[in-house]
Amino acid sequence: MDQLLGEIIDKFEIFILILVRMAGLFLMSPVFGRQNVPAYSKVGLSLLLSYMVYSNRYLSTGIEIQTPYVFGILIIREILVGFVIGYVTTLIFSAIWTAGQLIDTQIGFGIVSVIDPQNSIQVPLMGNFKNILALLVFFVLDGHHTLIELIFGTYELVPLGEGVVTDELSTIIIGLFSDSFLLALKIALPVFAITFISEVAFGILVRVIPQMNIFIVGIPIKIFIGLVTIMIFIPLYINSLKGVYNEMFSNIGSTLWRMVGK
């Protein structure tokens, strides 16, 4: 224990920089930063991972920090790197929330919502269901292990204190933001298609049987059709998540590569 503390104190500034990047990820990531995860667990895991990076790469480093001003700038840069990683992962799960909101609106669940413990806000019912299912699939596919390995790799891709904001970074961030809406539409598209067909069928019924109250009959049928469609397409949704997560990991690497100062 004394040796461990001695190693950390010897290059305390370097350890802090590593910890700051790790903490930035834990603050932004919807996987590790959820509010229902105990704070002690998040702090302990970030400290453990930071020490592993420190002992494997920076224990004998020659990096020296001359002034507190330079140290402050480096801290801001490391926080930014961690936020970027967390932001890219957040976009994927935010797209799932958006898809759930679109689905709820289509099938008549627009006014139904539940409490999200992550953000302490009301969220759509189907969005909450699809997000929990996506998070479960993420852990089943060992996505958390892949994310941790990717975090370790970022210290090679973007060395300490060398992460900068570039024009290319801004462009790819905007592109990922727009792609998240496209992903939400792809997830909700099957329900959109089926409900559109049902709307056309209801329109024909109204013309054929004018006495039928379409608002009383149509709403429960529309909900039933929407729920059946969701259940049918769940296997396809689960299978597609693997490709979505692989693309997410690739996007993290592409985004960080654009943060390296030329």
Protein backbone atom coordinates (compact mmCIF):
# COMPACT_ATOMS: atom_id res chain seq x y z
CA MET A 1 0.00 0.00 0.00
CA ASP A 2 2.82 2.40 0.87
CA GLN A 3 4.54 1.57 -2.40
CA LEU A 4 1.30 2.23 -4.30
CA LEU A 5 0.83 5.63 -2.66
CA GLY A 6 4.48 6.45 -3.22
CA GLU A 7 4.20 5.70 -6.94
CA ILE A 8 1.14 7.92 -7.26
CA ILE A 9 2.58 10.79 -5.22
CA ASP A 10 5.83 10.65 -7.19
CA LYS A 11 4.01 11.76 -10.36
CA PHE A 12 0.79 13.03 -8.86
CA GLU A 13 0.04 15.46 -11.71
CA ILE A 14 0.24 12.68 -14.30
CA PHE A 15 -2.11 10.48 -12.30
CA ILE A 16 -4.58 13.36 -11.96
CA LEU A 17 -4.58 13.92 -15.72
CA ILE A 18 -5.31 10.24 -16.31
CA LEU A 19 -8.05 10.29 -13.68
CA VAL A 20 -9.64 13.43 -15.14
CA ARG A 21 -10.03 11.81 -18.57
CA MET A 22 -11.52 8.72 -16.95
CA ALA A 23 -13.87 10.84 -14.82
CA GLY A 24 -15.03 12.77 -17.89
CA LEU A 25 -16.09 9.52 -19.50
CA PHE A 26 -17.84 8.31 -16.34
CA LEU A 27 -19.77 11.57 -16.11
CA MET A 28 -21.04 11.45 -19.70
CA SER A 29 -21.35 7.76 -20.48
CA PRO A 30 -24.87 6.29 -20.18
CA VAL A 31 -23.28 2.92 -19.39
CA PHE A 32 -20.98 3.73 -16.46
CA GLY A 33 -22.45 7.07 -15.44
CA ARG A 34 -26.02 6.06 -14.64
CA GLN A 35 -27.43 7.59 -11.47
CA ASN A 36 -28.61 4.21 -10.19
CA VAL A 37 -24.96 3.06 -10.10
CA PRO A 38 -23.56 3.82 -6.61
CA ALA A 39 -21.19 6.78 -6.53
CA TYR A 40 -18.63 4.75 -4.59
CA SER A 41 -18.58 2.17 -7.38
CA LYS A 42 -18.03 4.79 -10.07
CA VAL A 43 -15.29 6.55 -8.11
CA GLY A 44 -13.60 3.28 -7.19
CA LEU A 45 -13.70 1.93 -10.75
CA SER A 46 -12.36 5.18 -12.21
CA LEU A 47 -9.51 5.20 -9.68
CA LEU A 48 -8.70 1.56 -10.39
CA LEU A 49 -8.68 2.02 -14.16
CA SER A 50 -6.64 5.21 -13.83
CA TYR A 51 -4.00 3.44 -11.76
CA MET A 52 -3.87 0.56 -14.26
CA VAL A 53 -3.21 3.03 -17.08
CA TYR A 54 -0.69 4.91 -14.93
CA SER A 55 1.24 1.81 -13.92
CA ASN A 56 1.31 0.34 -17.43
CA ARG A 57 2.20 3.47 -19.40
CA TYR A 58 3.17 6.48 -17.30
CA LEU A 59 4.99 5.07 -14.27
CA SER A 60 8.37 5.96 -15.76
CA THR A 61 7.26 8.78 -18.03
CA GLY A 62 9.40 11.83 -18.54
CA ILE A 63 6.47 14.24 -18.82
CA GLU A 64 6.97 17.31 -16.66
CA ILE A 65 4.47 20.06 -15.89
CA GLN A 66 6.18 23.40 -15.40
CA THR A 67 3.46 25.74 -14.10
CA PRO A 68 -0.03 25.50 -12.57
CA TYR A 69 -1.38 27.37 -15.61
CA VAL A 70 -0.13 24.64 -17.95
CA PHE A 71 -1.52 22.01 -15.58
CA GLY A 72 -4.94 23.66 -15.70
CA ILE A 73 -4.92 23.71 -19.51
CA LEU A 74 -4.01 20.04 -19.59
CA ILE A 75 -6.85 19.19 -17.21
CA ILE A 76 -9.34 20.96 -19.48
CA ARG A 77 -8.02 19.02 -22.46
CA GLU A 78 -8.31 15.70 -20.66
CA ILE A 79 -11.86 16.44 -19.52
CA LEU A 80 -12.72 17.25 -23.14
CA VAL A 81 -11.34 13.91 -24.34
CA GLY A 82 -13.42 12.05 -21.75
CA PHE A 83 -16.53 14.06 -22.64
CA VAL A 84 -16.09 13.27 -26.33
CA ILE A 85 -15.99 9.53 -25.65
CA GLY A 86 -19.05 9.78 -23.42
CA TYR A 87 -20.87 11.98 -25.94
CA VAL A 88 -20.49 9.45 -28.76
CA THR A 89 -21.87 6.65 -26.57
CA THR A 90 -24.68 8.90 -25.36
CA LEU A 91 -25.79 9.61 -28.94
CA ILE A 92 -26.57 5.93 -29.54
CA PHE A 93 -28.79 5.57 -26.48
CA SER A 94 -30.37 8.97 -27.13
CA ALA A 95 -31.32 7.75 -30.61
CA ILE A 96 -33.06 4.79 -28.98
CA TRP A 97 -34.97 7.17 -26.68
CA THR A 98 -36.01 9.21 -29.73
CA ALA A 99 -37.14 6.11 -31.58
CA GLY A 100 -39.24 5.11 -28.58
CA GLN A 101 -40.86 8.55 -28.50
CA LEU A 102 -41.72 8.29 -32.20
CA ILE A 103 -43.16 4.81 -31.72
CA ASP A 104 -45.25 5.91 -28.72
CA THR A 105 -46.68 8.79 -30.73
CA GLN A 106 -47.58 6.49 -33.61
CA ILE A 107 -49.34 3.78 -31.59
CA GLY A 108 -51.12 6.09 -29.15
CA PHE A 109 -48.79 5.98 -26.13
CA GLY A 110 -47.70 9.59 -26.52
CA ILE A 111 -49.12 10.63 -23.15
CA VAL A 112 -47.75 7.58 -21.31
CA SER A 113 -44.36 8.01 -19.68
CA VAL A 114 -42.22 6.58 -16.89
CA ILE A 115 -39.45 7.99 -14.72
CA ASP A 116 -35.90 7.60 -16.01
CA PRO A 117 -33.56 7.08 -13.01
CA GLN A 118 -30.59 8.13 -15.15
CA ASN A 119 -31.78 11.70 -15.72
CA SER A 120 -34.70 11.92 -13.24
CA ILE A 121 -37.11 12.90 -16.00
CA GLN A 122 -40.18 11.39 -17.63
CA VAL A 123 -39.39 9.30 -20.70
CA PRO A 124 -41.54 7.49 -23.29
CA LEU A 125 -42.72 4.01 -22.39
CA MET A 126 -41.36 2.26 -25.48
CA GLY A 127 -38.20 4.36 -25.32
CA ASN A 128 -37.56 3.12 -21.79
CA PHE A 129 -38.24 -0.48 -22.84
CA LYS A 130 -35.96 -0.32 -25.87
CA ASN A 131 -33.23 1.48 -23.92
CA ILE A 132 -33.21 -1.15 -21.14
CA LEU A 133 -33.16 -3.91 -23.76
CA ALA A 134 -30.29 -2.18 -25.62
CA LEU A 135 -28.32 -1.79 -22.40
CA LEU A 136 -28.87 -5.46 -21.56
CA VAL A 137 -27.66 -6.50 -25.02
CA PHE A 138 -24.65 -4.19 -24.60
CA PHE A 139 -23.56 -6.08 -21.48
CA VAL A 140 -24.35 -9.48 -23.00
CA LEU A 141 -22.10 -8.67 -25.97
CA ASP A 142 -19.32 -7.62 -23.55
CA GLY A 143 -19.62 -4.08 -24.81
CA HIS A 144 -18.50 -2.74 -21.42
CA HIS A 145 -15.25 -4.70 -21.72
CA THR A 146 -14.73 -3.40 -25.25
CA LEU A 147 -15.38 0.14 -24.05
CA ILE A 148 -12.82 -0.22 -21.26
CA GLU A 149 -10.25 -1.58 -23.72
CA LEU A 150 -11.04 1.35 -25.99
CA ILE A 151 -10.50 3.76 -23.09
CA PHE A 152 -7.07 2.26 -22.49
CA GLY A 153 -6.29 2.65 -26.19
CA THR A 154 -7.18 6.35 -26.14
CA TYR A 155 -4.03 7.10 -24.14
CA GLU A 156 -2.03 5.85 -27.12
CA LEU A 157 -4.20 7.50 -29.74
CA VAL A 158 -4.43 10.82 -27.88
CA PRO A 159 -1.46 11.15 -25.50
CA LEU A 160 -1.88 13.12 -22.29
CA GLY A 161 -2.33 16.82 -22.88
CA GLU A 162 -2.39 16.57 -26.68
CA GLY A 163 -6.14 16.54 -27.28
CA VAL A 164 -7.30 19.69 -29.11
CA VAL A 165 -10.49 20.94 -30.74
CA THR A 166 -10.15 21.03 -34.53
CA ASP A 167 -12.42 21.85 -37.44
CA GLU A 168 -12.54 18.17 -38.34
CA LEU A 169 -13.70 17.35 -34.82
CA SER A 170 -16.57 19.83 -35.07
CA THR A 171 -17.59 18.41 -38.45
CA ILE A 172 -17.67 14.79 -37.28
CA ILE A 173 -19.53 15.69 -34.07
CA ILE A 174 -22.25 17.41 -36.11
CA GLY A 175 -22.34 14.45 -38.49
CA LEU A 176 -22.75 11.96 -35.64
CA PHE A 177 -25.52 14.11 -34.16
CA SER A 178 -27.47 14.04 -37.42
CA ASP A 179 -26.79 10.32 -37.88
CA SER A 180 -28.36 9.65 -34.48
CA PHE A 181 -31.70 10.97 -35.78
CA LEU A 182 -31.35 8.75 -38.84
CA LEU A 183 -30.75 5.77 -36.54
CA ALA A 184 -33.87 6.66 -34.55
CA LEU A 185 -35.93 6.68 -37.75
CA LYS A 186 -34.51 3.29 -38.79
CA ILE A 187 -35.47 1.78 -35.42
CA ALA A 188 -38.99 3.19 -35.59
CA LEU A 189 -39.51 2.51 -39.32
CA PRO A 190 -41.23 -0.92 -39.00
CA VAL A 191 -43.86 0.51 -36.65
CA PHE A 192 -44.24 3.55 -38.90
CA ALA A 193 -44.89 1.32 -41.92
CA ILE A 194 -47.42 -0.96 -40.21
CA THR A 195 -49.32 1.91 -38.58
CA PHE A 196 -49.44 3.74 -41.92
CA ILE A 197 -51.02 0.69 -43.53
CA SER A 198 -53.50 0.47 -40.66
CA GLU A 199 -54.38 4.14 -41.11
CA VAL A 200 -55.10 3.51 -44.78
CA ALA A 201 -57.27 0.51 -43.84
CA PHE A 202 -59.18 2.60 -41.29
CA GLY A 203 -59.75 5.27 -43.93
CA ILE A 204 -61.23 2.70 -46.28
CA LEU A 205 -63.47 1.34 -43.49
CA VAL A 206 -64.77 4.81 -42.73
CA ARG A 207 -65.75 5.27 -46.35
CA VAL A 208 -67.38 1.82 -46.52
CA ILE A 209 -69.08 1.93 -43.07
CA PRO A 210 -69.75 5.61 -42.22
CA GLN A 211 -71.68 4.64 -39.08
CA MET A 212 -68.57 3.15 -37.43
CA ASN A 213 -66.93 5.42 -34.82
CA ILE A 214 -63.32 5.16 -35.94
CA PHE A 215 -61.99 6.98 -32.86
CA ILE A 216 -63.44 4.44 -30.44
CA VAL A 217 -62.62 1.37 -32.52
CA GLY A 218 -59.40 2.55 -34.15
CA ILE A 219 -57.34 3.57 -31.12
CA PRO A 220 -57.28 0.19 -29.30
CA ILE A 221 -56.75 -1.65 -32.60
CA LYS A 222 -53.89 0.69 -33.44
CA ILE A 223 -52.28 0.06 -30.05
CA PHE A 224 -52.67 -3.70 -30.49
CA ILE A 225 -51.16 -3.60 -33.99
CA GLY A 226 -48.25 -1.47 -32.73
CA LEU A 227 -47.47 -3.80 -29.83
CA VAL A 228 -47.62 -6.89 -32.05
CA THR A 229 -45.30 -5.21 -34.55
CA ILE A 230 -42.83 -4.36 -31.78
CA MET A 231 -42.84 -7.94 -30.51
CA ILE A 232 -42.31 -9.34 -34.03
CA PHE A 233 -39.37 -7.04 -34.76
CA ILE A 234 -37.62 -7.44 -31.38
CA PRO A 235 -35.28 -10.22 -32.70
CA LEU A 236 -34.31 -8.01 -35.64
CA TYR A 237 -33.78 -5.07 -33.27
CA ILE A 238 -31.52 -7.14 -31.01
CA ASN A 239 -29.49 -8.48 -33.95
CA SER A 240 -29.01 -4.99 -35.36
CA LEU A 241 -27.65 -3.67 -32.05
CA LYS A 242 -24.36 -5.52 -32.54
CA GLY A 243 -23.71 -3.56 -35.73
CA VAL A 244 -24.80 -0.34 -34.03
CA TYR A 245 -22.33 -0.87 -31.17
CA ASN A 246 -19.50 -1.77 -33.54
CA GLU A 247 -20.15 1.44 -35.43
CA MET A 248 -20.21 3.33 -32.12
CA PHE A 249 -16.77 2.03 -31.18
CA SER A 250 -15.50 2.90 -34.64
CA ASN A 251 -16.93 6.41 -34.33
CA ILE A 252 -15.16 6.89 -30.99
CA GLY A 253 -11.84 6.05 -32.61
CA SER A 254 -12.50 8.30 -35.61
CA THR A 255 -13.53 11.19 -33.37
CA LEU A 256 -10.49 10.91 -31.09
CA TRP A 257 -8.17 10.68 -34.08
CA ARG A 258 -9.37 14.13 -35.09
CA MET A 259 -8.47 15.50 -31.66
CA VAL A 260 -4.77 14.83 -32.10
CA GLY A 261 -2.87 18.07 -32.61
CA LYS A 262 -1.11 18.23 -35.95
